[in-house]
Amino acid sequence: MDIRTYIKQLDQLMKEYDAIYHTAAVAYGLSDTAMWILYMVSDTAETYTQQDLCRQCCFPKQTINTAINNLIRNGYLTLETLPGTRNSKRIILTNAGQALMQTTIDPLKQAEDAAYSKFSDAERQCYLELTRQLNTNLREELQAQLKRRTL
């Protein structure tokens, strides 16, 4: 298979992967961003700020801010200033947010667990390594290309 055909097929698969999550968000009555915010903050072992979500979800700051404000307005989240900081705020699920998480994010994570469990440990590790390497290679190639454009 030539490289362009490969890239076209991979792009289609990546778009399909994103569409699967988008379909879930729509079914749950959430925006994609709101779903990912709830997904992240449902991990109670971690403390998340808006900056953390921007970094980890790869969404712009304004997109995260708008979705958080909507979730706050709907009673699903609150913000709490982190001790020792001037304006960094921890995102906390309210009782309504926890109930929403149980009917949306918990089933989503169960579906993910079931889907990824169909792969062996070696297959999952290979998938991670190849995806990580692809991201690194693509980032490096694009940075080099952009650098050549500015010279």
Protein backbone atom coordinates (compact mmCIF):
# COMPACT_ATOMS: atom_id res chain seq x y z
CA MET A 1 0.00 0.00 0.00
CA ASP A 2 1.40 3.42 -0.86
CA ILE A 3 1.82 6.01 1.89
CA ARG A 4 -1.03 8.30 0.71
CA THR A 5 -3.53 5.41 0.70
CA TYR A 6 -2.33 4.41 4.16
CA ILE A 7 -2.69 7.97 5.50
CA LYS A 8 -6.16 8.30 3.98
CA GLN A 9 -7.30 5.07 5.65
CA LEU A 10 -5.75 6.05 8.98
CA ASP A 11 -7.34 9.51 8.84
CA GLN A 12 -10.73 7.91 8.20
CA LEU A 13 -10.28 5.58 11.17
CA MET A 14 -9.26 8.47 13.44
CA LYS A 15 -12.31 10.47 12.36
CA GLU A 16 -14.51 7.43 13.01
CA TYR A 17 -12.96 7.08 16.49
CA ASP A 18 -13.77 10.74 17.23
CA ALA A 19 -17.29 10.28 15.82
CA ILE A 20 -17.94 7.37 18.18
CA TYR A 21 -17.27 9.64 21.16
CA HIS A 22 -19.24 12.49 19.59
CA THR A 23 -22.23 10.15 19.13
CA ALA A 24 -21.98 9.19 22.79
CA ALA A 25 -21.87 12.85 23.86
CA VAL A 26 -24.94 13.65 21.75
CA ALA A 27 -26.79 10.62 23.15
CA TYR A 28 -25.99 11.85 26.67
CA GLY A 29 -27.19 15.37 25.83
CA LEU A 30 -23.70 16.81 26.26
CA SER A 31 -21.28 18.73 24.10
CA ASP A 32 -18.08 16.89 23.28
CA THR A 33 -16.14 19.24 25.56
CA ALA A 34 -18.56 18.84 28.47
CA MET A 35 -18.38 15.07 28.13
CA TRP A 36 -14.57 15.12 28.23
CA ILE A 37 -14.57 17.46 31.23
CA LEU A 38 -16.89 15.13 33.12
CA TYR A 39 -14.78 12.18 31.96
CA MET A 40 -11.62 13.74 33.39
CA VAL A 41 -13.04 15.03 36.68
CA SER A 42 -14.79 11.71 37.30
CA ASP A 43 -11.33 10.44 38.25
CA THR A 44 -11.59 11.37 41.92
CA ALA A 45 -7.97 10.41 42.56
CA GLU A 46 -6.90 13.52 40.62
CA THR A 47 -7.48 17.22 41.12
CA TYR A 48 -8.17 19.10 37.89
CA THR A 49 -8.03 22.78 37.09
CA GLN A 50 -9.09 24.44 33.84
CA GLN A 51 -5.42 24.58 32.81
CA ASP A 52 -5.06 20.84 33.41
CA LEU A 53 -8.07 20.15 31.21
CA CYS A 54 -6.75 22.38 28.41
CA ARG A 55 -3.45 20.51 28.47
CA GLN A 56 -4.84 16.99 28.71
CA CYS A 57 -7.89 17.33 26.46
CA CYS A 58 -6.10 19.50 23.85
CA PHE A 59 -9.00 21.96 23.76
CA PRO A 60 -8.52 25.75 23.68
CA LYS A 61 -8.87 27.61 26.97
CA GLN A 62 -12.05 29.41 25.85
CA THR A 63 -13.69 26.12 24.82
CA ILE A 64 -12.98 24.59 28.24
CA ASN A 65 -14.08 27.77 30.02
CA THR A 66 -17.40 27.92 28.14
CA ALA A 67 -18.18 24.25 28.79
CA ILE A 68 -17.28 24.55 32.49
CA ASN A 69 -19.47 27.64 32.86
CA ASN A 70 -22.37 25.76 31.26
CA LEU A 71 -21.83 22.78 33.57
CA ILE A 72 -21.72 25.14 36.57
CA ARG A 73 -24.88 26.93 35.40
CA ASN A 74 -26.64 23.55 35.08
CA GLY A 75 -25.57 22.61 38.61
CA TYR A 76 -23.10 19.83 37.71
CA LEU A 77 -19.83 21.47 38.77
CA THR A 78 -18.46 23.96 41.25
CA LEU A 79 -15.06 25.62 41.43
CA GLU A 80 -12.96 25.83 44.57
CA THR A 81 -9.81 27.95 44.90
CA LEU A 82 -6.78 25.78 45.53
CA PRO A 83 -4.98 26.60 48.77
CA GLY A 84 -1.79 28.56 48.21
CA THR A 85 -2.81 29.85 44.79
CA ARG A 86 -4.17 33.19 43.74
CA ASN A 87 -6.70 32.13 41.14
CA SER A 88 -6.20 28.44 40.35
CA LYS A 89 -9.45 26.59 40.95
CA ARG A 90 -10.18 22.93 41.40
CA ILE A 91 -13.16 21.53 39.49
CA ILE A 92 -15.57 19.59 41.70
CA LEU A 93 -18.58 17.51 40.75
CA THR A 94 -21.76 18.45 42.61
CA ASN A 95 -24.25 15.76 43.67
CA ALA A 96 -26.13 16.40 40.43
CA GLY A 97 -22.83 16.13 38.55
CA GLN A 98 -22.08 12.80 40.20
CA ALA A 99 -25.53 11.53 39.24
CA LEU A 100 -24.97 12.71 35.65
CA MET A 101 -21.57 11.03 35.62
CA GLN A 102 -23.12 7.73 36.72
CA THR A 103 -25.55 7.77 33.79
CA THR A 104 -23.08 9.01 31.17
CA ILE A 105 -19.39 8.68 31.94
CA ASP A 106 -19.56 5.42 33.89
CA PRO A 107 -21.28 3.55 31.00
CA LEU A 108 -18.83 5.13 28.54
CA LYS A 109 -15.87 3.91 30.58
CA GLN A 110 -17.45 0.46 30.87
CA ALA A 111 -17.77 0.32 27.07
CA GLU A 112 -14.13 1.40 26.72
CA ASP A 113 -13.01 -1.23 29.22
CA ALA A 114 -14.90 -3.94 27.34
CA ALA A 115 -13.62 -2.80 23.93
CA TYR A 116 -9.97 -2.51 24.97
CA SER A 117 -10.17 -5.77 26.93
CA LYS A 118 -10.68 -7.55 23.60
CA PHE A 119 -7.01 -6.82 22.85
CA SER A 120 -4.16 -8.67 24.53
CA ASP A 121 -1.80 -6.75 26.82
CA ALA A 122 0.83 -6.88 24.06
CA GLU A 123 -1.62 -5.47 21.49
CA ARG A 124 -2.62 -2.63 23.81
CA GLN A 125 1.03 -1.83 24.52
CA CYS A 126 1.86 -1.91 20.80
CA TYR A 127 -1.08 0.41 20.03
CA LEU A 128 0.12 2.89 22.67
CA GLU A 129 3.71 2.83 21.45
CA LEU A 130 2.80 3.22 17.78
CA THR A 131 0.35 6.05 18.51
CA ARG A 132 2.90 7.81 20.72
CA GLN A 133 5.58 7.45 18.02
CA LEU A 134 3.23 8.68 15.29
CA ASN A 135 2.40 11.78 17.34
CA THR A 136 6.09 12.44 17.99
CA ASN A 137 7.06 11.95 14.34
CA LEU A 138 4.23 14.09 13.02
CA ARG A 139 4.90 16.87 15.54
CA GLU A 140 8.61 16.89 14.61
CA GLU A 141 7.92 16.92 10.86
CA LEU A 142 5.37 19.72 11.12
CA GLN A 143 7.64 21.80 13.35
CA ALA A 144 10.51 21.37 10.88
CA GLN A 145 8.23 22.31 7.99
CA LEU A 146 6.95 25.40 9.79
CA LYS A 147 10.48 26.41 10.71
CA ARG A 148 11.54 26.18 7.03
CA ARG A 149 8.58 28.38 6.05
CA THR A 150 9.67 31.17 8.40
CA LEU A 151 13.27 31.24 7.16
